[in-house]
Amino acid sequence: MARAGKLLGVGVFALIYIGVFWYTGSVPVPVAEAQVLSEEEKTKLQAELDRLQQEIDQWQGVLNETRAKKGTLQGDVTLLNAQIKKAETEIKQRNVTINTISNEIQQKTAHISTLENSLVRGHESLAKLLREKNETETRSLMFLALSAETLSEFFSNLIAIDAIDRSLQAQFAEIKSTRALTQKERDALAAKKDQELDVKKDVEVKKNTIAISQTQKKELLAVTVDQEKTYSQVLADRQAKAAAIRARLFPLRDAAGIQFGDAVSYAQQAAAKTGVRAALILAFLSQESDLGKNVGNCLVTDLTTGNGKGKNTGTPFTGVMKSPRDTVPFETITKALGLDWSTTPVSCPQSFGYGGAMGPAQFIPSTWQMFAPRIAASLGVPQANPWIARDAVMANAIYVSDLGAGAQTYTAERNAACRYFSGSPCSASNSTIGSYGDSVVAKANKFQQDIDFLKDI
């Protein structure tokens, strides 16, 4: 038993020692010492933020009051001027926030470096203790007894071994604690970096808002000196643009396209229920509509195997739908909706897996079945239909809300898009996943401009 324990101890020692050698081979590079804000500086920054917030609230009041008087040249110019001033003030406020967060990031980075250096020192100390323990354990009690000149020295050696054991346990505990604290600091740093990125992206959006508003303001002010174009013509042009935006076709996967105005209405209804931006919901559906020519072009011919064929070509396909995971709920869903499963189109299989996704939101049957009760409850209908645009919009909103998009920050929305696409958050190491997230966010920003334009008409 003792021999087995000693062999185990030597094995553990070998593994730990290898780990120590590997770890200490790369000592973290010290970062520049962070400049810690004093309490006085923090108080000044907070006062500046409060002052800017008061100014933002004042301009918001002007916006609310002016919107009720829109339809006059002076009213529209005042509205645009208030939008510009509010956006400019928000940019100042966010720049103060960025500076504060950047300072906190520097402090976190410095603290992490200190913790990592502590870990390295702990590993080095542990390696030394392990070597001493290994040396003492390789000597038998008989050897220690014979090599000791006195009985007192013999017992002193035994006490030394016991002391090393206690030191090892203490060192293990310290390293474990430092490692946990380092991970906590890294998580906090990652959150701060995301927060800084969110604020920076918000500034970019505000700058774009200012540019658009300034252009519109110049156009309106030009009316006063341009006798050929009256203000009534400006209003008519604006109404015509709004009508064109509402009537624009919004393409959907596996369903007839709908007017953009209807899509916005459905998305706003879903946004009220889930907290996800209407523009982002539309972006997801638009992104899905643009992907894959073989979507919705397959039919299931055998529920037992999940095999099928091309809807238009009759070409046999293996694995149109995963059986029984999706074929069983697919039959249940179509039956409840009064549809024939054998003539209801679904997505064709891809090179990387099964097809079988249904409707504009591209839910596979097993996933739709899980979400269907929530979708129906949100819409106040007895049965959700994945091929109806309204239901698909709500389904998408509920799903991406579960993925974190309801936070409405840049990183939350982008990560939700990456998770929607791959099941994982955005990562710098995978450009394909990141590109999908970037595309969805970019589409959302464009849709937001159209939604804002319609809101001000």
Protein backbone atom coordinates (compact mmCIF):
# COMPACT_ATOMS: atom_id res chain seq x y z
CA MET A 1 0.00 0.00 0.00
CA ALA A 2 2.83 2.39 0.98
CA ARG A 3 4.69 1.53 -2.21
CA ALA A 4 1.62 2.18 -4.30
CA GLY A 5 1.16 5.52 -2.56
CA LYS A 6 4.80 6.44 -3.18
CA LEU A 7 4.58 5.50 -6.86
CA LEU A 8 1.45 7.62 -7.17
CA GLY A 9 3.22 10.50 -5.45
CA VAL A 10 6.16 10.26 -7.85
CA GLY A 11 3.77 10.17 -10.82
CA VAL A 12 1.89 13.23 -9.61
CA PHE A 13 5.21 14.96 -8.97
CA ALA A 14 6.35 14.24 -12.54
CA LEU A 15 3.14 15.64 -14.05
CA ILE A 16 3.19 18.74 -11.86
CA TYR A 17 6.86 19.35 -12.51
CA ILE A 18 6.31 19.17 -16.27
CA GLY A 19 3.46 21.64 -15.90
CA VAL A 20 5.62 23.94 -13.79
CA PHE A 21 8.47 23.80 -16.30
CA TRP A 22 6.09 24.60 -19.15
CA TYR A 23 4.35 27.40 -17.34
CA THR A 24 7.43 29.20 -16.05
CA GLY A 25 8.98 29.13 -19.48
CA SER A 26 6.86 32.14 -20.40
CA VAL A 27 6.94 34.95 -17.87
CA PRO A 28 4.34 37.64 -18.61
CA VAL A 29 5.71 40.94 -19.84
CA PRO A 30 5.08 43.67 -17.28
CA VAL A 31 2.61 46.30 -18.48
CA ALA A 32 2.96 50.00 -18.03
CA GLU A 33 1.90 51.15 -14.60
CA ALA A 34 -1.73 52.22 -14.71
CA GLN A 35 -2.66 55.75 -13.77
CA VAL A 36 -5.23 55.43 -11.00
CA LEU A 37 -7.85 58.15 -10.91
CA SER A 38 -8.05 60.02 -7.64
CA GLU A 39 -11.36 60.45 -5.82
CA GLU A 40 -11.34 64.13 -6.82
CA GLU A 41 -10.89 63.20 -10.51
CA LYS A 42 -13.66 60.63 -10.27
CA THR A 43 -15.97 63.22 -8.71
CA LYS A 44 -15.21 65.69 -11.51
CA LEU A 45 -15.89 63.06 -14.18
CA GLN A 46 -19.19 62.11 -12.57
CA ALA A 47 -20.19 65.79 -12.37
CA GLU A 48 -19.38 66.16 -16.07
CA LEU A 49 -21.48 63.10 -16.91
CA ASP A 50 -24.39 64.46 -14.86
CA ARG A 51 -24.18 67.86 -16.56
CA LEU A 52 -24.16 66.26 -20.01
CA GLN A 53 -27.12 64.06 -19.07
CA GLN A 54 -29.11 67.16 -18.06
CA GLU A 55 -28.30 68.72 -21.44
CA ILE A 56 -29.39 65.51 -23.22
CA ASP A 57 -32.67 65.54 -21.31
CA GLN A 58 -33.26 69.17 -22.30
CA TRP A 59 -32.78 68.41 -25.99
CA GLN A 60 -34.99 65.34 -25.66
CA GLY A 61 -37.70 67.66 -24.32
CA VAL A 62 -37.28 69.89 -27.37
CA LEU A 63 -37.55 66.83 -29.62
CA ASN A 64 -40.74 65.62 -27.93
CA GLU A 65 -42.32 69.07 -28.15
CA THR A 66 -41.27 69.71 -31.74
CA ARG A 67 -42.43 66.33 -33.06
CA ALA A 68 -45.97 67.36 -32.13
CA LYS A 69 -45.57 70.46 -34.35
CA LYS A 70 -43.93 68.83 -37.35
CA GLY A 71 -45.21 69.74 -40.78
CA THR A 72 -43.83 73.27 -40.89
CA LEU A 73 -40.48 74.42 -42.21
CA GLN A 74 -39.44 76.02 -38.93
CA GLY A 75 -40.68 73.01 -36.95
CA ASP A 76 -38.68 70.57 -39.06
CA VAL A 77 -35.54 72.69 -38.87
CA THR A 78 -35.91 72.92 -35.08
CA LEU A 79 -36.44 69.16 -34.89
CA LEU A 80 -33.30 68.42 -36.88
CA ASN A 81 -31.30 70.95 -34.88
CA ALA A 82 -32.43 69.29 -31.63
CA GLN A 83 -31.46 65.88 -33.02
CA ILE A 84 -28.01 67.19 -33.91
CA LYS A 85 -27.47 68.89 -30.54
CA LYS A 86 -28.67 65.85 -28.61
CA ALA A 87 -26.42 63.52 -30.61
CA GLU A 88 -23.42 65.83 -30.17
CA THR A 89 -23.99 65.94 -26.40
CA GLU A 90 -24.35 62.17 -26.26
CA ILE A 91 -21.04 61.82 -28.07
CA LYS A 92 -19.36 64.06 -25.47
CA GLN A 93 -20.92 61.98 -22.69
CA ARG A 94 -19.80 58.72 -24.24
CA ASN A 95 -16.28 60.01 -24.79
CA VAL A 96 -16.04 60.74 -21.06
CA THR A 97 -17.30 57.21 -20.40
CA ILE A 98 -14.75 55.76 -22.84
CA ASN A 99 -11.90 57.55 -21.05
CA THR A 100 -13.11 56.26 -17.68
CA ILE A 101 -13.44 52.70 -18.94
CA SER A 102 -10.02 52.87 -20.63
CA ASN A 103 -8.48 53.88 -17.30
CA GLU A 104 -10.20 50.97 -15.56
CA ILE A 105 -8.96 48.60 -18.27
CA GLN A 106 -5.38 49.78 -17.65
CA GLN A 107 -5.79 49.11 -13.95
CA LYS A 108 -7.28 45.66 -14.58
CA THR A 109 -4.45 44.82 -16.99
CA ALA A 110 -1.84 45.84 -14.43
CA HIS A 111 -3.57 43.81 -11.73
CA ILE A 112 -3.73 40.74 -13.98
CA SER A 113 0.00 41.10 -14.67
CA THR A 114 0.66 41.22 -10.91
CA LEU A 115 -1.46 38.13 -10.35
CA GLU A 116 0.24 36.24 -13.18
CA ASN A 117 3.67 37.08 -11.77
CA SER A 118 2.45 35.82 -8.41
CA LEU A 119 1.39 32.59 -10.10
CA VAL A 120 4.83 32.18 -11.67
CA ARG A 121 6.54 32.73 -8.33
CA GLY A 122 4.15 30.28 -6.72
CA HIS A 123 4.90 27.64 -9.32
CA GLU A 124 8.63 28.14 -8.89
CA SER A 125 8.28 27.78 -5.11
CA LEU A 126 6.11 24.72 -5.57
CA ALA A 127 8.66 23.15 -7.90
CA LYS A 128 11.39 23.64 -5.29
CA LEU A 129 9.24 22.09 -2.57
CA LEU A 130 8.35 19.17 -4.79
CA ARG A 131 12.02 18.53 -5.53
CA GLU A 132 12.81 18.56 -1.81
CA LYS A 133 9.90 16.26 -1.08
CA ASN A 134 10.96 13.89 -3.83
CA GLU A 135 14.49 13.77 -2.45
CA THR A 136 13.30 12.96 1.05
CA GLU A 137 10.71 10.40 -0.08
CA THR A 138 13.31 8.45 -2.07
CA ARG A 139 15.23 7.79 1.17
CA SER A 140 13.91 4.96 3.29
CA LEU A 141 13.35 5.32 7.02
CA MET A 142 16.23 2.86 7.55
CA PHE A 143 18.55 5.11 5.55
CA LEU A 144 17.50 8.15 7.56
CA ALA A 145 17.97 6.26 10.83
CA LEU A 146 21.44 4.99 9.88
CA SER A 147 22.62 8.31 8.45
CA ALA A 148 21.54 10.29 11.51
CA GLU A 149 24.25 10.67 14.13
CA THR A 150 21.73 10.94 16.95
CA LEU A 151 18.16 9.96 17.59
CA SER A 152 17.32 13.64 17.85
CA GLU A 153 18.66 14.25 14.32
CA PHE A 154 16.61 11.31 13.03
CA PHE A 155 13.40 12.82 14.39
CA SER A 156 14.41 16.24 13.11
CA ASN A 157 14.60 14.76 9.60
CA LEU A 158 11.13 13.30 9.98
CA ILE A 159 9.83 16.66 11.19
CA ALA A 160 11.44 18.33 8.17
CA ILE A 161 9.57 15.96 5.83
CA ASP A 162 6.32 16.78 7.60
CA ALA A 163 7.06 20.50 7.32
CA ILE A 164 7.61 20.13 3.58
CA ASP A 165 4.25 18.37 3.27
CA ARG A 166 2.52 21.21 5.10
CA SER A 167 4.29 23.78 2.92
CA LEU A 168 3.18 21.92 -0.18
CA GLN A 169 -0.45 21.99 0.91
CA ALA A 170 -0.22 25.70 1.68
CA GLN A 171 1.41 26.37 -1.69
CA PHE A 172 -1.25 24.36 -3.52
CA ALA A 173 -3.96 26.40 -1.76
CA GLU A 174 -2.25 29.71 -2.57
CA ILE A 175 -1.79 28.85 -6.26
CA LYS A 176 -5.40 27.70 -6.51
CA SER A 177 -6.61 30.95 -4.96
CA THR A 178 -4.39 33.11 -7.18
CA ARG A 179 -5.47 31.22 -10.29
CA ALA A 180 -9.17 31.74 -9.42
CA LEU A 181 -8.59 35.43 -8.74
CA THR A 182 -6.70 35.83 -12.01
CA GLN A 183 -9.56 34.26 -13.94
CA LYS A 184 -12.03 36.55 -12.19
CA GLU A 185 -9.94 39.59 -13.15
CA ARG A 186 -9.70 38.37 -16.76
CA ASP A 187 -13.47 37.99 -16.94
CA ALA A 188 -13.90 41.49 -15.53
CA LEU A 189 -11.41 42.85 -18.06
CA ALA A 190 -13.23 41.16 -20.93
CA ALA A 191 -16.50 42.74 -19.76
CA LYS A 192 -14.84 46.17 -19.58
CA LYS A 193 -13.41 45.79 -23.08
CA ASP A 194 -16.86 44.88 -24.41
CA GLN A 195 -18.33 47.88 -22.62
CA GLU A 196 -15.75 50.19 -24.17
CA LEU A 197 -16.42 48.73 -27.62
CA ASP A 198 -20.17 49.20 -27.13
CA VAL A 199 -19.72 52.86 -26.25
CA LYS A 200 -17.35 53.45 -29.18
CA LYS A 201 -19.82 51.86 -31.61
CA ASP A 202 -22.59 53.99 -30.15
CA VAL A 203 -20.50 57.08 -30.84
CA GLU A 204 -20.07 55.99 -34.47
CA VAL A 205 -23.84 55.59 -34.84
CA LYS A 206 -24.43 59.02 -33.31
CA LYS A 207 -21.93 60.59 -35.69
CA ASN A 208 -23.78 59.01 -38.61
CA THR A 209 -27.06 60.38 -37.23
CA ILE A 210 -25.55 63.87 -37.08
CA ALA A 211 -24.33 63.63 -40.66
CA ILE A 212 -27.77 62.60 -41.92
CA SER A 213 -29.57 65.26 -39.86
CA GLN A 214 -27.17 68.00 -40.99
CA THR A 215 -27.74 67.07 -44.64
CA GLN A 216 -31.51 67.18 -44.15
CA LYS A 217 -31.26 70.50 -42.33
CA LYS A 218 -29.24 72.06 -45.17
CA GLU A 219 -31.82 70.84 -47.68
CA LEU A 220 -34.66 72.40 -45.68
CA LEU A 221 -32.83 75.69 -45.17
CA ALA A 222 -32.15 75.82 -48.91
CA VAL A 223 -35.92 75.92 -49.50
CA THR A 224 -36.02 79.47 -48.15
CA VAL A 225 -33.72 80.68 -50.93
CA ASP A 226 -34.87 78.34 -53.67
CA GLN A 227 -38.10 79.75 -55.09
CA GLU A 228 -38.55 76.86 -57.52
CA LYS A 229 -39.14 74.28 -54.78
CA THR A 230 -41.74 75.03 -52.12
CA TYR A 231 -41.97 73.44 -48.72
CA SER A 232 -45.11 71.59 -49.75
CA GLN A 233 -43.05 69.87 -52.42
CA VAL A 234 -40.50 68.89 -49.77
CA LEU A 235 -43.30 67.30 -47.74
CA ALA A 236 -44.64 65.53 -50.83
CA ASP A 237 -41.19 64.15 -51.64
CA ARG A 238 -40.83 62.93 -48.07
CA GLN A 239 -44.21 61.22 -48.12
CA ALA A 240 -43.36 59.60 -51.44
CA LYS A 241 -40.09 58.28 -50.02
CA ALA A 242 -41.91 56.92 -46.97
CA ALA A 243 -44.49 55.20 -49.20
CA ALA A 244 -41.70 53.66 -51.28
CA ILE A 245 -39.96 52.36 -48.15
CA ARG A 246 -43.19 50.83 -46.80
CA ALA A 247 -44.05 49.21 -50.15
CA ARG A 248 -40.55 47.84 -50.75
CA LEU A 249 -40.46 44.05 -50.94
CA PHE A 250 -38.98 42.38 -47.89
CA PRO A 251 -37.81 38.94 -49.11
CA LEU A 252 -38.31 35.89 -46.91
CA ARG A 253 -37.01 32.35 -47.07
CA ASP A 254 -39.52 29.64 -47.93
CA ALA A 255 -42.40 32.13 -47.98
CA ALA A 256 -43.76 34.89 -50.19
CA GLY A 257 -42.09 38.24 -49.65
CA ILE A 258 -44.01 40.88 -47.72
CA GLN A 259 -44.03 44.67 -47.79
CA PHE A 260 -41.39 46.31 -45.66
CA GLY A 261 -44.06 48.24 -43.76
CA ASP A 262 -45.70 44.97 -42.68
CA ALA A 263 -42.33 43.51 -41.75
CA VAL A 264 -41.62 46.54 -39.55
CA SER A 265 -45.01 46.19 -37.89
CA TYR A 266 -44.41 42.51 -37.12
CA ALA A 267 -40.90 43.25 -35.88
CA GLN A 268 -42.08 46.08 -33.62
CA GLN A 269 -44.70 43.76 -32.13
CA ALA A 270 -42.00 41.16 -31.49
CA ALA A 271 -39.65 43.82 -30.10
CA ALA A 272 -42.28 44.89 -27.55
CA LYS A 273 -42.53 41.28 -26.35
CA THR A 274 -38.82 40.41 -26.27
CA GLY A 275 -36.78 43.60 -25.93
CA VAL A 276 -34.85 42.85 -29.14
CA ARG A 277 -34.54 45.79 -31.55
CA ALA A 278 -37.01 45.60 -34.43
CA ALA A 279 -34.20 46.51 -36.84
CA LEU A 280 -32.09 43.58 -35.61
CA ILE A 281 -34.98 41.13 -36.04
CA LEU A 282 -35.40 42.28 -39.63
CA ALA A 283 -31.64 41.99 -40.13
CA PHE A 284 -31.65 38.32 -39.11
CA LEU A 285 -34.51 37.51 -41.47
CA SER A 286 -32.90 39.47 -44.30
CA GLN A 287 -29.58 37.70 -43.73
CA GLU A 288 -31.29 34.32 -43.83
CA SER A 289 -33.14 35.22 -47.04
CA ASP A 290 -29.85 36.01 -48.75
CA LEU A 291 -28.27 32.65 -47.92
CA GLY A 292 -28.38 29.49 -50.04
CA LYS A 293 -30.21 28.86 -53.28
CA ASN A 294 -31.32 25.36 -52.29
CA VAL A 295 -33.30 26.52 -49.28
CA GLY A 296 -36.91 25.40 -49.40
CA ASN A 297 -36.23 23.30 -52.48
CA CYS A 298 -36.52 19.86 -50.91
CA LEU A 299 -39.34 17.53 -49.90
CA VAL A 300 -39.22 14.69 -47.41
CA THR A 301 -40.27 11.39 -48.98
CA ASP A 302 -39.59 8.97 -46.12
CA LEU A 303 -40.22 9.87 -42.47
CA THR A 304 -38.44 6.72 -41.30
CA THR A 305 -35.10 7.60 -42.90
CA GLY A 306 -35.50 11.36 -43.39
CA ASN A 307 -34.51 11.01 -47.04
CA GLY A 308 -36.16 13.09 -49.72
CA LYS A 309 -35.89 14.70 -53.12
CA GLY A 310 -35.56 18.03 -54.89
CA LYS A 311 -38.88 19.85 -54.99
CA ASN A 312 -38.49 20.89 -58.63
CA THR A 313 -35.95 18.38 -59.94
CA GLY A 314 -36.91 15.16 -58.19
CA THR A 315 -33.23 14.53 -57.49
CA PRO A 316 -32.90 12.06 -54.56
CA PHE A 317 -31.31 13.45 -51.39
CA THR A 318 -30.05 11.55 -48.37
CA GLY A 319 -30.57 13.20 -45.02
CA VAL A 320 -33.03 15.92 -45.96
CA MET A 321 -34.17 15.69 -42.34
CA LYS A 322 -32.67 13.96 -39.31
CA SER A 323 -34.78 10.98 -38.26
CA PRO A 324 -36.46 10.62 -35.81
CA ARG A 325 -35.33 13.84 -34.09
CA ASP A 326 -36.98 16.06 -36.71
CA THR A 327 -39.18 13.79 -38.81
CA VAL A 328 -41.50 12.99 -35.88
CA PRO A 329 -42.14 16.64 -34.89
CA PHE A 330 -42.32 17.61 -38.59
CA GLU A 331 -45.22 15.23 -39.08
CA THR A 332 -46.90 16.56 -35.93
CA ILE A 333 -46.45 20.22 -36.96
CA THR A 334 -47.75 19.79 -40.51
CA LYS A 335 -50.71 17.69 -39.36
CA ALA A 336 -51.75 20.32 -36.80
CA LEU A 337 -51.62 23.02 -39.51
CA GLY A 338 -53.58 20.93 -42.01
CA LEU A 339 -50.58 20.49 -44.30
CA ASP A 340 -49.33 17.42 -46.13
CA TRP A 341 -45.80 16.69 -44.90
CA SER A 342 -44.84 15.09 -48.23
CA THR A 343 -45.58 18.29 -50.19
CA THR A 344 -44.35 20.84 -47.65
CA PRO A 345 -40.95 22.24 -48.71
CA VAL A 346 -37.99 22.44 -46.35
CA SER A 347 -34.32 23.27 -46.78
CA CYS A 348 -32.10 20.80 -48.61
CA PRO A 349 -29.14 19.12 -46.85
CA GLN A 350 -25.86 21.01 -46.81
CA SER A 351 -22.35 19.64 -47.14
CA PHE A 352 -21.92 20.07 -43.38
CA GLY A 353 -25.17 18.45 -42.23
CA TYR A 354 -28.89 17.86 -42.52
CA GLY A 355 -31.46 20.18 -44.04
CA GLY A 356 -35.09 20.23 -42.93
CA ALA A 357 -35.31 23.87 -41.79
CA MET A 358 -38.76 25.42 -42.11
CA GLY A 359 -39.99 28.84 -43.15
CA PRO A 360 -38.46 32.33 -43.02
CA ALA A 361 -36.84 31.85 -39.61
CA GLN A 362 -35.31 28.50 -40.67
CA PHE A 363 -36.15 26.53 -37.51
CA ILE A 364 -35.67 22.78 -37.70
CA PRO A 365 -38.84 20.93 -36.56
CA SER A 366 -37.50 19.81 -33.16
CA THR A 367 -36.44 23.37 -32.27
CA TRP A 368 -39.71 24.86 -33.54
CA GLN A 369 -41.67 22.41 -31.41
CA MET A 370 -39.81 23.64 -28.31
CA PHE A 371 -40.48 27.30 -29.10
CA ALA A 372 -44.01 26.96 -30.53
CA PRO A 373 -45.88 27.42 -27.21
CA ARG A 374 -43.98 30.65 -26.45
CA ILE A 375 -44.53 31.94 -29.99
CA ALA A 376 -48.27 31.21 -29.86
CA ALA A 377 -48.60 32.79 -26.41
CA SER A 378 -46.76 35.95 -27.52
CA LEU A 379 -49.03 36.31 -30.56
CA GLY A 380 -52.22 35.24 -28.80
CA VAL A 381 -52.93 32.46 -31.31
CA PRO A 382 -53.72 28.78 -30.69
CA GLN A 383 -51.10 27.42 -33.11
CA ALA A 384 -47.85 28.95 -34.41
CA ASN A 385 -47.07 28.45 -38.11
CA PRO A 386 -43.39 28.52 -39.19
CA TRP A 387 -44.36 29.43 -42.77
CA ILE A 388 -46.32 32.58 -41.81
CA ALA A 389 -44.22 35.76 -41.77
CA ARG A 390 -45.73 37.15 -38.54
CA ASP A 391 -45.06 33.91 -36.65
CA ALA A 392 -41.56 33.57 -38.09
CA VAL A 393 -40.70 37.13 -37.03
CA MET A 394 -41.82 36.43 -33.46
CA ALA A 395 -39.97 33.11 -33.43
CA ASN A 396 -36.75 34.80 -34.50
CA ALA A 397 -37.16 37.51 -31.87
CA ILE A 398 -37.73 35.03 -29.04
CA TYR A 399 -34.77 32.90 -30.11
CA VAL A 400 -32.25 35.74 -30.42
CA SER A 401 -33.55 37.22 -27.17
CA ASP A 402 -32.54 33.95 -25.51
CA LEU A 403 -29.12 34.45 -27.11
CA GLY A 404 -28.70 37.82 -25.38
CA ALA A 405 -29.74 40.27 -28.12
CA GLY A 406 -32.21 41.98 -25.80
CA ALA A 407 -29.34 43.90 -24.17
CA GLN A 408 -29.27 46.02 -27.38
CA THR A 409 -25.53 46.72 -27.16
CA TYR A 410 -23.17 46.24 -30.10
CA THR A 411 -21.33 43.27 -28.57
CA ALA A 412 -24.57 41.65 -27.33
CA GLU A 413 -26.20 41.88 -30.74
CA ARG A 414 -23.09 40.76 -32.61
CA ASN A 415 -22.51 37.80 -30.27
CA ALA A 416 -26.18 36.82 -30.57
CA ALA A 417 -25.75 36.78 -34.35
CA CYS A 418 -22.64 34.61 -34.08
CA ARG A 419 -24.42 32.22 -31.70
CA TYR A 420 -27.40 32.11 -34.05
CA PHE A 421 -25.08 31.11 -36.87
CA SER A 422 -22.68 28.76 -35.10
CA GLY A 423 -23.77 28.20 -31.51
CA SER A 424 -20.72 30.11 -30.22
CA PRO A 425 -20.00 33.82 -29.59
CA CYS A 426 -17.91 35.81 -32.04
CA SER A 427 -14.23 34.93 -32.02
CA ALA A 428 -11.23 36.60 -33.61
CA SER A 429 -9.95 33.15 -34.51
CA ASN A 430 -12.94 32.38 -36.77
CA SER A 431 -13.47 35.06 -39.40
CA THR A 432 -16.44 33.28 -41.00
CA ILE A 433 -18.50 33.42 -37.81
CA GLY A 434 -17.42 37.00 -37.15
CA SER A 435 -18.33 38.05 -40.69
CA TYR A 436 -21.86 36.74 -40.19
CA GLY A 437 -22.18 38.78 -37.01
CA ASP A 438 -20.82 41.91 -38.71
CA SER A 439 -23.21 41.48 -41.62
CA VAL A 440 -26.26 41.17 -39.37
CA VAL A 441 -25.31 44.26 -37.32
CA ALA A 442 -24.64 46.29 -40.50
CA LYS A 443 -28.05 45.31 -41.92
CA ALA A 444 -29.69 46.24 -38.61
CA ASN A 445 -28.15 49.74 -38.71
CA LYS A 446 -29.48 50.29 -42.24
CA PHE A 447 -32.96 49.08 -41.29
CA GLN A 448 -32.85 51.38 -38.25
CA GLN A 449 -32.38 54.38 -40.54
CA ASP A 450 -35.50 53.44 -42.51
CA ILE A 451 -37.49 52.83 -39.32
CA ASP A 452 -36.41 56.20 -37.90
CA PHE A 453 -37.37 57.95 -41.13
CA LEU A 454 -40.85 56.42 -41.08
CA LYS A 455 -41.25 57.34 -37.42
CA ASP A 456 -40.64 61.03 -38.15
CA ILE A 457 -43.14 61.20 -41.04
